[in-house]
Amino acid sequence: MKTRQELETLSQQLLRSHPVSTTGNRESPLHPVVEELVDALNSAQSTDNGIATMVSAYFTDMNRVIQNWYTILDTNARIAMVVDNVQYNNVMIPVDLLLSDLADTAGFSVDNIVVVNHKSSHNALLRQSILFWRKEG
């Protein structure tokens, strides 16, 4: 990387999990709960209007990752992933449950969701979880 523009271009090609994320014209939330959360975030009084786009882009990208894992992994392969639930503008995002639902839809068995930590954020109790999935045959 030689310029800031090169860094920004690369950033947009990676997993979109930051407020400057963009979405394509044809992208829309792929999960009904994500769609509801994006609507709630768009309705919330906020000075940061990039949050709703970031949430939508993150779950779109993670769905692609999950589908790619399902395609390339062998039968009975296992995945373990640590995720944190988040809250923006008083809208709670249950990342662990949404990703596990996307994994189930892709064909993975959701073997377990283990809550390993709770943290307090803006009067909300957010959980950190380890997701355990398995590719069924």
Protein backbone atom coordinates (compact mmCIF):
# COMPACT_ATOMS: atom_id res chain seq x y z
CA MET A 1 0.00 0.00 0.00
CA LYS A 2 1.42 3.30 -1.04
CA THR A 3 -1.57 5.57 -0.69
CA ARG A 4 -4.56 5.99 1.57
CA GLN A 5 -6.81 5.39 -1.46
CA GLU A 6 -5.21 1.97 -2.02
CA LEU A 7 -5.87 1.10 1.62
CA GLU A 8 -9.50 2.24 1.38
CA THR A 9 -10.00 0.24 -1.83
CA LEU A 10 -8.57 -2.89 -0.21
CA SER A 11 -10.68 -2.30 2.89
CA GLN A 12 -13.85 -2.31 0.79
CA GLN A 13 -12.88 -5.66 -0.76
CA LEU A 14 -12.49 -7.40 2.61
CA LEU A 15 -15.12 -8.38 5.16
CA ARG A 16 -17.19 -5.26 5.65
CA SER A 17 -17.38 -4.66 9.38
CA HIS A 18 -16.75 -0.95 9.73
CA PRO A 19 -18.97 2.14 9.51
CA VAL A 20 -17.58 3.26 6.14
CA SER A 21 -18.81 0.04 4.52
CA THR A 22 -20.76 0.32 1.32
CA THR A 23 -23.35 -1.95 -0.23
CA GLY A 24 -24.03 -2.64 -3.87
CA ASN A 25 -27.25 -1.50 -5.47
CA ARG A 26 -28.64 -5.05 -5.60
CA GLU A 27 -27.67 -6.03 -2.06
CA SER A 28 -30.39 -6.20 0.49
CA PRO A 29 -30.48 -7.88 3.89
CA LEU A 30 -30.64 -11.61 3.32
CA HIS A 31 -32.20 -12.52 6.64
CA PRO A 32 -35.55 -11.17 7.86
CA VAL A 33 -34.16 -10.35 11.32
CA VAL A 34 -31.21 -8.48 9.78
CA GLU A 35 -33.70 -6.55 7.66
CA GLU A 36 -35.68 -5.61 10.79
CA LEU A 37 -32.49 -4.57 12.59
CA VAL A 38 -31.36 -2.44 9.64
CA ASP A 39 -34.79 -0.76 9.55
CA ALA A 40 -34.57 -0.09 13.31
CA LEU A 41 -31.07 1.35 12.93
CA ASN A 42 -32.19 3.57 10.05
CA SER A 43 -35.07 4.82 12.22
CA ALA A 44 -32.92 5.49 15.29
CA GLN A 45 -31.83 9.02 16.04
CA SER A 46 -28.13 8.89 15.28
CA THR A 47 -25.35 11.02 13.96
CA ASP A 48 -23.70 7.92 12.46
CA ASN A 49 -25.85 6.76 9.55
CA GLY A 50 -23.23 4.26 8.32
CA ILE A 51 -24.06 1.74 11.05
CA ALA A 52 -27.11 0.26 9.30
CA THR A 53 -25.14 -0.20 6.07
CA MET A 54 -22.27 -1.78 7.99
CA VAL A 55 -24.59 -4.28 9.72
CA SER A 56 -26.24 -5.25 6.45
CA ALA A 57 -22.88 -5.57 4.64
CA TYR A 58 -21.34 -7.61 7.48
CA PHE A 59 -24.09 -10.24 7.43
CA THR A 60 -24.08 -10.35 3.62
CA ASP A 61 -20.33 -10.98 3.66
CA MET A 62 -20.52 -13.51 6.49
CA ASN A 63 -23.22 -15.40 4.60
CA ARG A 64 -20.83 -15.68 1.64
CA VAL A 65 -18.05 -16.88 3.96
CA ILE A 66 -20.33 -19.50 5.51
CA GLN A 67 -21.50 -20.72 2.11
CA ASN A 68 -17.89 -20.93 0.90
CA TRP A 69 -16.91 -22.91 4.00
CA TYR A 70 -19.75 -25.32 3.33
CA THR A 71 -18.57 -25.77 -0.26
CA ILE A 72 -14.90 -26.39 0.47
CA LEU A 73 -14.96 -28.24 3.80
CA ASP A 74 -15.11 -32.02 4.02
CA THR A 75 -18.08 -33.81 5.57
CA ASN A 76 -17.93 -33.74 9.38
CA ALA A 77 -15.53 -30.76 9.35
CA ARG A 78 -15.98 -28.56 12.39
CA ILE A 79 -15.91 -24.82 12.83
CA ALA A 80 -15.51 -22.89 16.07
CA MET A 81 -15.82 -19.12 16.01
CA VAL A 82 -15.81 -16.48 18.76
CA VAL A 83 -18.23 -13.58 18.26
CA ASP A 84 -19.54 -10.69 20.32
CA ASN A 85 -23.05 -9.42 20.22
CA VAL A 86 -23.22 -5.65 19.79
CA GLN A 87 -25.58 -2.76 20.32
CA TYR A 88 -25.88 0.41 18.26
CA ASN A 89 -28.35 3.19 19.02
CA ASN A 90 -30.15 0.94 21.52
CA VAL A 91 -30.62 -1.76 18.86
CA MET A 92 -29.22 -5.11 20.03
CA ILE A 93 -27.59 -7.24 17.31
CA PRO A 94 -27.57 -10.96 18.27
CA VAL A 95 -24.57 -11.83 16.10
CA ASP A 96 -24.22 -15.35 17.54
CA LEU A 97 -27.80 -16.34 16.81
CA LEU A 98 -27.93 -14.73 13.37
CA LEU A 99 -24.68 -16.29 12.16
CA SER A 100 -25.75 -19.67 13.50
CA ASP A 101 -29.05 -19.37 11.66
CA LEU A 102 -27.19 -18.55 8.43
CA ALA A 103 -24.94 -21.57 9.05
CA ASP A 104 -27.96 -23.82 9.59
CA THR A 105 -29.53 -22.54 6.38
CA ALA A 106 -26.27 -23.28 4.52
CA GLY A 107 -26.38 -26.88 5.75
CA PHE A 108 -24.21 -26.85 8.86
CA SER A 109 -25.34 -28.47 12.07
CA VAL A 110 -25.24 -25.92 14.89
CA ASP A 111 -23.85 -28.15 17.60
CA ASN A 112 -23.57 -25.57 20.35
CA ILE A 113 -23.45 -21.91 21.23
CA VAL A 114 -21.46 -21.42 24.42
CA VAL A 115 -21.72 -18.07 26.17
CA VAL A 116 -18.28 -17.36 27.60
CA ASN A 117 -18.57 -13.78 28.78
CA HIS A 118 -21.03 -10.98 29.43
CA LYS A 119 -20.15 -7.33 29.16
CA SER A 120 -22.15 -4.27 29.99
CA SER A 121 -22.58 -1.60 27.34
CA HIS A 122 -24.95 1.37 27.52
CA ASN A 123 -27.25 -0.28 30.07
CA ALA A 124 -27.34 -3.52 28.09
CA LEU A 125 -25.79 -6.87 28.89
CA LEU A 126 -24.03 -8.20 25.79
CA ARG A 127 -22.68 -11.71 25.43
CA GLN A 128 -19.57 -13.15 23.87
CA SER A 129 -20.10 -16.63 22.49
CA ILE A 130 -18.23 -19.47 20.87
CA LEU A 131 -20.17 -20.99 17.97
CA PHE A 132 -19.66 -24.68 17.19
CA TRP A 133 -20.83 -25.88 13.78
CA ARG A 134 -20.33 -29.10 11.85
CA LYS A 135 -20.74 -29.85 8.17
CA GLU A 136 -23.15 -32.75 7.87
CA GLY A 137 -22.92 -35.29 5.09
